Amino acid sequence: MGTLMLSAEEEIRSSLRENRMETVTILIPEKTWLRYGEAKARDLPKRIPEFLRTYGKYLSSVKRLNAQARKTLYQPSSGKSKMRRVNVRLGTGSWTLLGALA
């Protein structure tokens, strides 16, 4: 069982739900990306909820770079694991979960 660490110093100052779609950038480990073929990679925007469940704990421990939940940015991994940037269009409701975790 994993450990979830929260920081009381971080805060979000944006509305939780907006009726619009935005293009956002997420980072996915290269090892995970290579497991999916080209066709599945194109379906990535539809698979976002699965990735949110998988990487939610990791994203909750990453330092926040922006105070707005809808424009959260994450730094690439400085360790041995290589990260791949993926631009996806999704509703701000889905993105709110990442903002809350961050």
PDB file of N, CA and C in Angstrom:
ATOM      1  N   MET A   1       0.836  -1.171   0.000  1.00  0.00           N
ATOM      2  CA  MET A   1       0.000   0.000   0.000  1.00  0.00           C
ATOM      3  C   MET A   1       0.883   1.236   0.000  1.00  0.00           C
ATOM      4  N   GLY A   2       0.549   2.226  -0.827  1.00  0.00           N
ATOM      5  CA  GLY A   2       1.357   3.427  -0.962  1.00  0.00           C
ATOM      6  C   GLY A   2       1.046   4.466   0.102  1.00  0.00           C
ATOM      7  N   THR A   3       1.899   5.471   0.177  1.00  0.00           N
ATOM      8  CA  THR A   3       1.722   6.571   1.109  1.00  0.00           C
ATOM      9  C   THR A   3       1.397   7.826   0.326  1.00  0.00           C
ATOM     10  N   LEU A   4       0.385   8.547   0.741  1.00  0.00           N
ATOM     11  CA  LEU A   4      -0.015   9.785   0.089  1.00  0.00           C
ATOM     12  C   LEU A   4       0.381  10.939   0.993  1.00  0.00           C
ATOM     13  N   MET A   5       1.265  11.831   0.504  1.00  0.00           N
ATOM     14  CA  MET A   5       1.728  12.955   1.299  1.00  0.00           C
ATOM     15  C   MET A   5       1.147  14.235   0.719  1.00  0.00           C
ATOM     16  N   LEU A   6       0.539  15.046   1.570  1.00  0.00           N
ATOM     17  CA  LEU A   6      -0.069  16.300   1.143  1.00  0.00           C
ATOM     18  C   LEU A   6       0.678  17.467   1.761  1.00  0.00           C
ATOM     19  N   SER A   7       0.720  18.589   1.047  1.00  0.00           N
ATOM     20  CA  SER A   7       1.371  19.790   1.541  1.00  0.00           C
ATOM     21  C   SER A   7       0.315  20.852   1.819  1.00  0.00           C
ATOM     22  N   ALA A   8       0.283  21.370   3.032  1.00  0.00           N
ATOM     23  CA  ALA A   8      -0.688  22.403   3.398  1.00  0.00           C
ATOM     24  C   ALA A   8      -0.300  23.764   2.834  1.00  0.00           C
ATOM     25  N   GLU A   9       0.909  23.909   2.311  1.00  0.00           N
ATOM     26  CA  GLU A   9       1.375  25.189   1.790  1.00  0.00           C
ATOM     27  C   GLU A   9       0.881  25.469   0.374  1.00  0.00           C
ATOM     28  N   GLU A  10       0.446  24.462  -0.349  1.00  0.00           N
ATOM     29  CA  GLU A  10      -0.014  24.633  -1.724  1.00  0.00           C
ATOM     30  C   GLU A  10      -1.512  24.902  -1.750  1.00  0.00           C
ATOM     31  N   GLU A  11      -1.961  25.710  -2.710  1.00  0.00           N
ATOM     32  CA  GLU A  11      -3.388  26.001  -2.825  1.00  0.00           C
ATOM     33  C   GLU A  11      -3.774  26.212  -4.283  1.00  0.00           C
ATOM     34  N   ILE A  12      -5.067  26.059  -4.565  1.00  0.00           N
ATOM     35  CA  ILE A  12      -5.615  26.253  -5.906  1.00  0.00           C
ATOM     36  C   ILE A  12      -6.571  27.430  -5.853  1.00  0.00           C
ATOM     37  N   ARG A  13      -6.438  28.346  -6.810  1.00  0.00           N
ATOM     38  CA  ARG A  13      -7.338  29.494  -6.881  1.00  0.00           C
ATOM     39  C   ARG A  13      -7.979  29.555  -8.256  1.00  0.00           C
ATOM     40  N   SER A  14      -8.903  28.665  -8.504  1.00  0.00           N
ATOM     41  CA  SER A  14      -9.648  28.666  -9.757  1.00  0.00           C
ATOM     42  C   SER A  14     -10.947  27.905  -9.552  1.00  0.00           C
ATOM     43  N   SER A  15     -11.884  28.123 -10.466  1.00  0.00           N
ATOM     44  CA  SER A  15     -13.163  27.427 -10.345  1.00  0.00           C
ATOM     45  C   SER A  15     -12.971  25.945 -10.626  1.00  0.00           C
ATOM     46  N   LEU A  16     -13.795  25.118  -9.994  1.00  0.00           N
ATOM     47  CA  LEU A  16     -13.638  23.675 -10.131  1.00  0.00           C
ATOM     48  C   LEU A  16     -14.218  23.129 -11.422  1.00  0.00           C
ATOM     49  N   ARG A  17     -15.194  23.799 -11.990  1.00  0.00           N
ATOM     50  CA  ARG A  17     -15.844  23.254 -13.185  1.00  0.00           C
ATOM     51  C   ARG A  17     -16.162  24.378 -14.160  1.00  0.00           C
ATOM     52  N   GLU A  18     -15.711  24.255 -15.374  1.00  0.00           N
ATOM     53  CA  GLU A  18     -16.014  25.200 -16.442  1.00  0.00           C
ATOM     54  C   GLU A  18     -16.504  24.407 -17.636  1.00  0.00           C
ATOM     55  N   ASN A  19     -17.422  24.975 -18.389  1.00  0.00           N
ATOM     56  CA  ASN A  19     -18.002  24.277 -19.538  1.00  0.00           C
ATOM     57  C   ASN A  19     -17.203  24.554 -20.807  1.00  0.00           C
ATOM     58  N   ARG A  20     -15.989  24.090 -20.854  1.00  0.00           N
ATOM     59  CA  ARG A  20     -15.178  24.241 -22.060  1.00  0.00           C
ATOM     60  C   ARG A  20     -14.084  23.181 -22.094  1.00  0.00           C
ATOM     61  N   MET A  21     -13.540  23.013 -23.275  1.00  0.00           N
ATOM     62  CA  MET A  21     -12.439  22.072 -23.476  1.00  0.00           C
ATOM     63  C   MET A  21     -11.148  22.877 -23.600  1.00  0.00           C
ATOM     64  N   GLU A  22     -10.052  22.301 -23.136  1.00  0.00           N
ATOM     65  CA  GLU A  22      -8.748  22.938 -23.252  1.00  0.00           C
ATOM     66  C   GLU A  22      -7.713  21.912 -23.669  1.00  0.00           C
ATOM     67  N   THR A  23      -6.654  22.402 -24.283  1.00  0.00           N
ATOM     68  CA  THR A  23      -5.513  21.548 -24.598  1.00  0.00           C
ATOM     69  C   THR A  23      -4.546  21.640 -23.430  1.00  0.00           C
ATOM     70  N   VAL A  24      -4.209  20.501 -22.873  1.00  0.00           N
ATOM     71  CA  VAL A  24      -3.303  20.459 -21.731  1.00  0.00           C
ATOM     72  C   VAL A  24      -2.163  19.496 -22.037  1.00  0.00           C
ATOM     73  N   THR A  25      -1.056  19.670 -21.351  1.00  0.00           N
ATOM     74  CA  THR A  25       0.108  18.810 -21.523  1.00  0.00           C
ATOM     75  C   THR A  25       0.271  17.954 -20.279  1.00  0.00           C
ATOM     76  N   ILE A  26       0.382  16.664 -20.485  1.00  0.00           N
ATOM     77  CA  ILE A  26       0.663  15.760 -19.373  1.00  0.00           C
ATOM     78  C   ILE A  26       1.966  15.029 -19.671  1.00  0.00           C
ATOM     79  N   LEU A  27       2.592  14.533 -18.629  1.00  0.00           N
ATOM     80  CA  LEU A  27       3.832  13.774 -18.770  1.00  0.00           C
ATOM     81  C   LEU A  27       3.556  12.319 -18.437  1.00  0.00           C
ATOM     82  N   ILE A  28       3.967  11.435 -19.332  1.00  0.00           N
ATOM     83  CA  ILE A  28       3.773  10.002 -19.155  1.00  0.00           C
ATOM     84  C   ILE A  28       5.142   9.338 -19.247  1.00  0.00           C
ATOM     85  N   PRO A  29       5.461   8.411 -18.342  1.00  0.00           N
ATOM     86  CA  PRO A  29       6.752   7.719 -18.432  1.00  0.00           C
ATOM     87  C   PRO A  29       6.920   7.037 -19.789  1.00  0.00           C
ATOM     88  N   GLU A  30       8.107   7.143 -20.356  1.00  0.00           N
ATOM     89  CA  GLU A  30       8.409   6.556 -21.668  1.00  0.00           C
ATOM     90  C   GLU A  30       8.129   5.056 -21.680  1.00  0.00           C
ATOM     91  N   LYS A  31       8.429   4.383 -20.585  1.00  0.00           N
ATOM     92  CA  LYS A  31       8.199   2.940 -20.496  1.00  0.00           C
ATOM     93  C   LYS A  31       6.713   2.619 -20.685  1.00  0.00           C
ATOM     94  N   THR A  32       5.849   3.423 -20.081  1.00  0.00           N
ATOM     95  CA  THR A  32       4.404   3.226 -20.229  1.00  0.00           C
ATOM     96  C   THR A  32       3.959   3.536 -21.649  1.00  0.00           C
ATOM     97  N   TRP A  33       4.478   4.611 -22.217  1.00  0.00           N
ATOM     98  CA  TRP A  33       4.108   5.025 -23.579  1.00  0.00           C
ATOM     99  C   TRP A  33       4.428   3.929 -24.598  1.00  0.00           C
ATOM    100  N   LEU A  34       5.559   3.262 -24.442  1.00  0.00           N
ATOM    101  CA  LEU A  34       5.977   2.238 -25.395  1.00  0.00           C
ATOM    102  C   LEU A  34       5.099   0.991 -25.336  1.00  0.00           C
ATOM    103  N   ARG A  35       4.368   0.801 -24.240  1.00  0.00           N
ATOM    104  CA  ARG A  35       3.458  -0.340 -24.139  1.00  0.00           C
ATOM    105  C   ARG A  35       2.271  -0.211 -25.085  1.00  0.00           C
ATOM    106  N   TYR A  36       1.932   1.025 -25.454  1.00  0.00           N
ATOM    107  CA  TYR A  36       0.789   1.265 -26.333  1.00  0.00           C
ATOM    108  C   TYR A  36       1.266   1.410 -27.769  1.00  0.00           C
ATOM    109  N   GLY A  37       0.522   0.852 -28.711  1.00  0.00           N
ATOM    110  CA  GLY A  37       0.849   1.011 -30.118  1.00  0.00           C
ATOM    111  C   GLY A  37       0.427   2.384 -30.609  1.00  0.00           C
ATOM    112  N   GLU A  38       0.698   2.658 -31.880  1.00  0.00           N
ATOM    113  CA  GLU A  38       0.380   3.967 -32.452  1.00  0.00           C
ATOM    114  C   GLU A  38      -1.124   4.242 -32.430  1.00  0.00           C
ATOM    115  N   ALA A  39      -1.926   3.226 -32.720  1.00  0.00           N
ATOM    116  CA  ALA A  39      -3.386   3.406 -32.734  1.00  0.00           C
ATOM    117  C   ALA A  39      -3.912   3.726 -31.334  1.00  0.00           C
ATOM    118  N   LYS A  40      -3.394   3.035 -30.324  1.00  0.00           N
ATOM    119  CA  LYS A  40      -3.842   3.298 -28.957  1.00  0.00           C
ATOM    120  C   LYS A  40      -3.356   4.663 -28.475  1.00  0.00           C
ATOM    121  N   ALA A  41      -2.190   5.079 -28.942  1.00  0.00           N
ATOM    122  CA  ALA A  41      -1.673   6.388 -28.551  1.00  0.00           C
ATOM    123  C   ALA A  41      -2.579   7.506 -29.066  1.00  0.00           C
ATOM    124  N   ARG A  42      -3.168   7.313 -30.252  1.00  0.00           N
ATOM    125  CA  ARG A  42      -4.094   8.312 -30.786  1.00  0.00           C
ATOM    126  C   ARG A  42      -5.367   8.393 -29.959  1.00  0.00           C
ATOM    127  N   ASP A  43      -5.717   7.303 -29.284  1.00  0.00           N
ATOM    128  CA  ASP A  43      -6.908   7.281 -28.440  1.00  0.00           C
ATOM    129  C   ASP A  43      -6.620   7.770 -27.020  1.00  0.00           C
ATOM    130  N   LEU A  44      -5.450   8.300 -26.805  1.00  0.00           N
ATOM    131  CA  LEU A  44      -5.036   8.728 -25.471  1.00  0.00           C
ATOM    132  C   LEU A  44      -6.023   9.684 -24.793  1.00  0.00           C
ATOM    133  N   PRO A  45      -6.562  10.689 -25.474  1.00  0.00           N
ATOM    134  CA  PRO A  45      -7.502  11.586 -24.784  1.00  0.00           C
ATOM    135  C   PRO A  45      -8.695  10.857 -24.167  1.00  0.00           C
ATOM    136  N   LYS A  46      -9.118   9.762 -24.760  1.00  0.00           N
ATOM    137  CA  LYS A  46     -10.237   8.993 -24.214  1.00  0.00           C
ATOM    138  C   LYS A  46      -9.808   8.146 -23.019  1.00  0.00           C
ATOM    139  N   ARG A  47      -8.511   7.939 -22.877  1.00  0.00           N
ATOM    140  CA  ARG A  47      -7.996   7.090 -21.804  1.00  0.00           C
ATOM    141  C   ARG A  47      -7.534   7.889 -20.584  1.00  0.00           C
ATOM    142  N   ILE A  48      -7.739   9.191 -20.609  1.00  0.00           N
ATOM    143  CA  ILE A  48      -7.276  10.042 -19.513  1.00  0.00           C
ATOM    144  C   ILE A  48      -7.777   9.580 -18.142  1.00  0.00           C
ATOM    145  N   PRO A  49      -9.065   9.234 -17.968  1.00  0.00           N
ATOM    146  CA  PRO A  49      -9.495   8.791 -16.629  1.00  0.00           C
ATOM    147  C   PRO A  49      -8.679   7.614 -16.087  1.00  0.00           C
ATOM    148  N   GLU A  50      -8.294   6.685 -16.962  1.00  0.00           N
ATOM    149  CA  GLU A  50      -7.464   5.552 -16.533  1.00  0.00           C
ATOM    150  C   GLU A  50      -6.104   6.038 -16.038  1.00  0.00           C
ATOM    151  N   PHE A  51      -5.497   6.965 -16.771  1.00  0.00           N
ATOM    152  CA  PHE A  51      -4.200   7.498 -16.358  1.00  0.00           C
ATOM    153  C   PHE A  51      -4.317   8.304 -15.064  1.00  0.00           C
ATOM    154  N   LEU A  52      -5.430   8.999 -14.875  1.00  0.00           N
ATOM    155  CA  LEU A  52      -5.614   9.748 -13.635  1.00  0.00           C
ATOM    156  C   LEU A  52      -5.644   8.806 -12.439  1.00  0.00           C
ATOM    157  N   ARG A  53      -6.289   7.665 -12.590  1.00  0.00           N
ATOM    158  CA  ARG A  53      -6.319   6.692 -11.494  1.00  0.00           C
ATOM    159  C   ARG A  53      -4.929   6.098 -11.261  1.00  0.00           C
ATOM    160  N   THR A  54      -4.201   5.831 -12.352  1.00  0.00           N
ATOM    161  CA  THR A  54      -2.889   5.195 -12.236  1.00  0.00           C
ATOM    162  C   THR A  54      -1.840   6.126 -11.639  1.00  0.00           C
ATOM    163  N   TYR A  55      -1.795   7.389 -12.100  1.00  0.00           N
ATOM    164  CA  TYR A  55      -0.729   8.307 -11.698  1.00  0.00           C
ATOM    165  C   TYR A  55      -1.179   9.364 -10.699  1.00  0.00           C
ATOM    166  N   GLY A  56      -2.376   9.215 -10.143  1.00  0.00           N
ATOM    167  CA  GLY A  56      -2.894  10.212  -9.209  1.00  0.00           C
ATOM    168  C   GLY A  56      -1.990  10.442  -8.013  1.00  0.00           C
ATOM    169  N   LYS A  57      -1.509   9.371  -7.398  1.00  0.00           N
ATOM    170  CA  LYS A  57      -0.644   9.508  -6.222  1.00  0.00           C
ATOM    171  C   LYS A  57       0.691  10.152  -6.599  1.00  0.00           C
ATOM    172  N   TYR A  58       1.238   9.766  -7.749  1.00  0.00           N
ATOM    173  CA  TYR A  58       2.502  10.368  -8.190  1.00  0.00           C
ATOM    174  C   TYR A  58       2.321  11.866  -8.404  1.00  0.00           C
ATOM    175  N   LEU A  59       1.259  12.251  -9.107  1.00  0.00           N
ATOM    176  CA  LEU A  59       1.038  13.661  -9.401  1.00  0.00           C
ATOM    177  C   LEU A  59       0.761  14.474  -8.146  1.00  0.00           C
ATOM    178  N   SER A  60       0.207  13.839  -7.121  1.00  0.00           N
ATOM    179  CA  SER A  60      -0.063  14.566  -5.883  1.00  0.00           C
ATOM    180  C   SER A  60       1.223  14.914  -5.142  1.00  0.00           C
ATOM    181  N   SER A  61       2.326  14.252  -5.450  1.00  0.00           N
ATOM    182  CA  SER A  61       3.587  14.531  -4.768  1.00  0.00           C
ATOM    183  C   SER A  61       4.521  15.430  -5.573  1.00  0.00           C
ATOM    184  N   VAL A  62       4.161  15.749  -6.826  1.00  0.00           N
ATOM    185  CA  VAL A  62       5.010  16.586  -7.680  1.00  0.00           C
ATOM    186  C   VAL A  62       4.804  18.057  -7.325  1.00  0.00           C
ATOM    187  N   LYS A  63       5.879  18.827  -7.281  1.00  0.00           N
ATOM    188  CA  LYS A  63       5.783  20.252  -6.945  1.00  0.00           C
ATOM    189  C   LYS A  63       4.952  20.981  -7.976  1.00  0.00           C
ATOM    190  N   ARG A  64       4.079  21.831  -7.494  1.00  0.00           N
ATOM    191  CA  ARG A  64       3.181  22.607  -8.343  1.00  0.00           C
ATOM    192  C   ARG A  64       3.910  23.834  -8.877  1.00  0.00           C
ATOM    193  N   LEU A  65       3.752  24.123 -10.184  1.00  0.00           N
ATOM    194  CA  LEU A  65       4.410  25.270 -10.796  1.00  0.00           C
ATOM    195  C   LEU A  65       3.452  26.421 -11.074  1.00  0.00           C
ATOM    196  N   ASN A  66       2.153  26.201 -10.949  1.00  0.00           N
ATOM    197  CA  ASN A  66       1.175  27.220 -11.296  1.00  0.00           C
ATOM    198  C   ASN A  66       0.002  27.120 -10.325  1.00  0.00           C
ATOM    199  N   ALA A  67      -0.541  28.261  -9.873  1.00  0.00           N
ATOM    200  CA  ALA A  67      -1.629  28.269  -8.893  1.00  0.00           C
ATOM    201  C   ALA A  67      -2.993  28.018  -9.511  1.00  0.00           C
ATOM    202  N   GLN A  68      -3.107  27.975 -10.832  1.00  0.00           N
ATOM    203  CA  GLN A  68      -4.394  27.746 -11.490  1.00  0.00           C
ATOM    204  C   GLN A  68      -4.525  26.274 -11.849  1.00  0.00           C
ATOM    205  N   ALA A  69      -5.600  25.638 -11.397  1.00  0.00           N
ATOM    206  CA  ALA A  69      -5.781  24.203 -11.636  1.00  0.00           C
ATOM    207  C   ALA A  69      -5.896  23.880 -13.117  1.00  0.00           C
ATOM    208  N   ARG A  70      -6.487  24.776 -13.903  1.00  0.00           N
ATOM    209  CA  ARG A  70      -6.687  24.462 -15.319  1.00  0.00           C
ATOM    210  C   ARG A  70      -5.420  24.627 -16.145  1.00  0.00           C
ATOM    211  N   LYS A  71      -4.372  25.197 -15.582  1.00  0.00           N
ATOM    212  CA  LYS A  71      -3.119  25.386 -16.311  1.00  0.00           C
ATOM    213  C   LYS A  71      -1.939  24.838 -15.522  1.00  0.00           C
ATOM    214  N   THR A  72      -2.110  23.682 -14.938  1.00  0.00           N
ATOM    215  CA  THR A  72      -1.051  23.077 -14.144  1.00  0.00           C
ATOM    216  C   THR A  72       0.070  22.586 -15.054  1.00  0.00           C
ATOM    217  N   LEU A  73       1.295  22.851 -14.680  1.00  0.00           N
ATOM    218  CA  LEU A  73       2.459  22.384 -15.437  1.00  0.00           C
ATOM    219  C   LEU A  73       3.329  21.547 -14.512  1.00  0.00           C
ATOM    220  N   TYR A  74       3.928  20.531 -15.052  1.00  0.00           N
ATOM    221  CA  TYR A  74       4.795  19.663 -14.263  1.00  0.00           C
ATOM    222  C   TYR A  74       6.172  19.612 -14.904  1.00  0.00           C
ATOM    223  N   GLN A  75       7.199  19.538 -14.071  1.00  0.00           N
ATOM    224  CA  GLN A  75       8.556  19.450 -14.577  1.00  0.00           C
ATOM    225  C   GLN A  75       8.843  18.025 -15.015  1.00  0.00           C
ATOM    226  N   PRO A  76       9.681  17.864 -16.052  1.00  0.00           N
ATOM    227  CA  PRO A  76      10.078  16.516 -16.457  1.00  0.00           C
ATOM    228  C   PRO A  76      10.859  15.825 -15.342  1.00  0.00           C
ATOM    229  N   SER A  77      10.848  14.516 -15.375  1.00  0.00           N
ATOM    230  CA  SER A  77      11.571  13.735 -14.384  1.00  0.00           C
ATOM    231  C   SER A  77      13.068  13.980 -14.534  1.00  0.00           C
ATOM    232  N   SER A  78      13.727  14.244 -13.424  1.00  0.00           N
ATOM    233  CA  SER A  78      15.175  14.441 -13.475  1.00  0.00           C
ATOM    234  C   SER A  78      15.920  13.145 -13.199  1.00  0.00           C
ATOM    235  N   GLY A  79      15.188  12.092 -12.866  1.00  0.00           N
ATOM    236  CA  GLY A  79      15.802  10.802 -12.569  1.00  0.00           C
ATOM    237  C   GLY A  79      16.095  10.003 -13.823  1.00  0.00           C
ATOM    238  N   LYS A  80      16.228   8.688 -13.647  1.00  0.00           N
ATOM    239  CA  LYS A  80      16.553   7.815 -14.769  1.00  0.00           C
ATOM    240  C   LYS A  80      15.366   7.591 -15.695  1.00  0.00           C
ATOM    241  N   SER A  81      14.141   7.685 -15.161  1.00  0.00           N
ATOM    242  CA  SER A  81      12.973   7.424 -16.009  1.00  0.00           C
ATOM    243  C   SER A  81      12.700   8.619 -16.917  1.00  0.00           C
ATOM    244  N   LYS A  82      12.613   8.347 -18.196  1.00  0.00           N
ATOM    245  CA  LYS A  82      12.374   9.388 -19.185  1.00  0.00           C
ATOM    246  C   LYS A  82      10.871   9.613 -19.316  1.00  0.00           C
ATOM    247  N   MET A  83      10.461  10.875 -19.414  1.00  0.00           N
ATOM    248  CA  MET A  83       9.049  11.213 -19.514  1.00  0.00           C
ATOM    249  C   MET A  83       8.742  11.729 -20.920  1.00  0.00           C
ATOM    250  N   ARG A  84       7.527  11.461 -21.398  1.00  0.00           N
ATOM    251  CA  ARG A  84       7.090  11.916 -22.715  1.00  0.00           C
ATOM    252  C   ARG A  84       5.951  12.908 -22.532  1.00  0.00           C
ATOM    253  N   ARG A  85       6.058  14.064 -23.216  1.00  0.00           N
ATOM    254  CA  ARG A  85       5.001  15.073 -23.166  1.00  0.00           C
ATOM    255  C   ARG A  85       3.918  14.710 -24.164  1.00  0.00           C
ATOM    256  N   VAL A  86       2.665  14.779 -23.723  1.00  0.00           N
ATOM    257  CA  VAL A  86       1.525  14.459 -24.575  1.00  0.00           C
ATOM    258  C   VAL A  86       0.505  15.583 -24.441  1.00  0.00           C
ATOM    259  N   ASN A  87       0.128  16.198 -25.575  1.00  0.00           N
ATOM    260  CA  ASN A  87      -0.903  17.225 -25.577  1.00  0.00           C
ATOM    261  C   ASN A  87      -2.244  16.573 -25.856  1.00  0.00           C
ATOM    262  N   VAL A  88      -3.221  16.834 -25.003  1.00  0.00           N
ATOM    263  CA  VAL A  88      -4.559  16.264 -25.174  1.00  0.00           C
ATOM    264  C   VAL A  88      -5.603  17.344 -24.928  1.00  0.00           C
ATOM    265  N   ARG A  89      -6.759  17.180 -25.573  1.00  0.00           N
ATOM    266  CA  ARG A  89      -7.902  18.062 -25.329  1.00  0.00           C
ATOM    267  C   ARG A  89      -8.848  17.333 -24.392  1.00  0.00           C
ATOM    268  N   LEU A  90      -9.177  17.982 -23.289  1.00  0.00           N
ATOM    269  CA  LEU A  90     -10.128  17.387 -22.375  1.00  0.00           C
ATOM    270  C   LEU A  90     -10.885  18.475 -21.643  1.00  0.00           C
ATOM    271  N   GLY A  91     -12.017  18.095 -21.088  1.00  0.00           N
ATOM    272  CA  GLY A  91     -12.845  19.030 -20.340  1.00  0.00           C
ATOM    273  C   GLY A  91     -12.168  19.445 -19.053  1.00  0.00           C
ATOM    274  N   THR A  92     -12.488  20.645 -18.621  1.00  0.00           N
ATOM    275  CA  THR A  92     -11.861  21.133 -17.396  1.00  0.00           C
ATOM    276  C   THR A  92     -12.297  20.336 -16.176  1.00  0.00           C
ATOM    277  N   GLY A  93     -13.438  19.644 -16.270  1.00  0.00           N
ATOM    278  CA  GLY A  93     -13.869  18.791 -15.160  1.00  0.00           C
ATOM    279  C   GLY A  93     -12.877  17.673 -14.901  1.00  0.00           C
ATOM    280  N   SER A  94     -12.375  17.043 -15.971  1.00  0.00           N
ATOM    281  CA  SER A  94     -11.371  15.982 -15.816  1.00  0.00           C
ATOM    282  C   SER A  94     -10.052  16.555 -15.312  1.00  0.00           C
ATOM    283  N   TRP A  95      -9.711  17.738 -15.789  1.00  0.00           N
ATOM    284  CA  TRP A  95      -8.446  18.362 -15.412  1.00  0.00           C
ATOM    285  C   TRP A  95      -8.464  18.818 -13.959  1.00  0.00           C
ATOM    286  N   THR A  96      -9.660  19.078 -13.421  1.00  0.00           N
ATOM    287  CA  THR A  96      -9.787  19.513 -12.034  1.00  0.00           C
ATOM    288  C   THR A  96      -9.219  18.481 -11.069  1.00  0.00           C
ATOM    289  N   LEU A  97      -9.392  17.204 -11.378  1.00  0.00           N
ATOM    290  CA  LEU A  97      -8.850  16.155 -10.514  1.00  0.00           C
ATOM    291  C   LEU A  97      -7.334  16.280 -10.404  1.00  0.00           C
ATOM    292  N   LEU A  98      -6.657  16.515 -11.518  1.00  0.00           N
ATOM    293  CA  LEU A  98      -5.203  16.690 -11.466  1.00  0.00           C
ATOM    294  C   LEU A  98      -4.838  17.925 -10.657  1.00  0.00           C
ATOM    295  N   GLY A  99      -5.585  19.002 -10.839  1.00  0.00           N
ATOM    296  CA  GLY A  99      -5.321  20.218 -10.072  1.00  0.00           C
ATOM    297  C   GLY A  99      -5.503  20.004  -8.582  1.00  0.00           C
ATOM    298  N   ALA A 100      -6.537  19.261  -8.217  1.00  0.00           N
ATOM    299  CA  ALA A 100      -6.777  18.982  -6.801  1.00  0.00           C
ATOM    300  C   ALA A 100      -5.670  18.115  -6.217  1.00  0.00           C
ATOM    301  N   LEU A 101      -5.200  17.140  -6.982  1.00  0.00           N
ATOM    302  CA  LEU A 101      -4.113  16.288  -6.505  1.00  0.00           C
ATOM    303  C   LEU A 101      -2.808  17.058  -6.399  1.00  0.00           C
ATOM    304  N   ALA A 102      -2.580  17.982  -7.332  1.00  0.00           N
ATOM    305  CA  ALA A 102      -1.334  18.742  -7.327  1.00  0.00           C
ATOM    306  C   ALA A 102      -1.336  19.750  -6.202  1.00  0.00           C
TER     307      ALA A 102
END
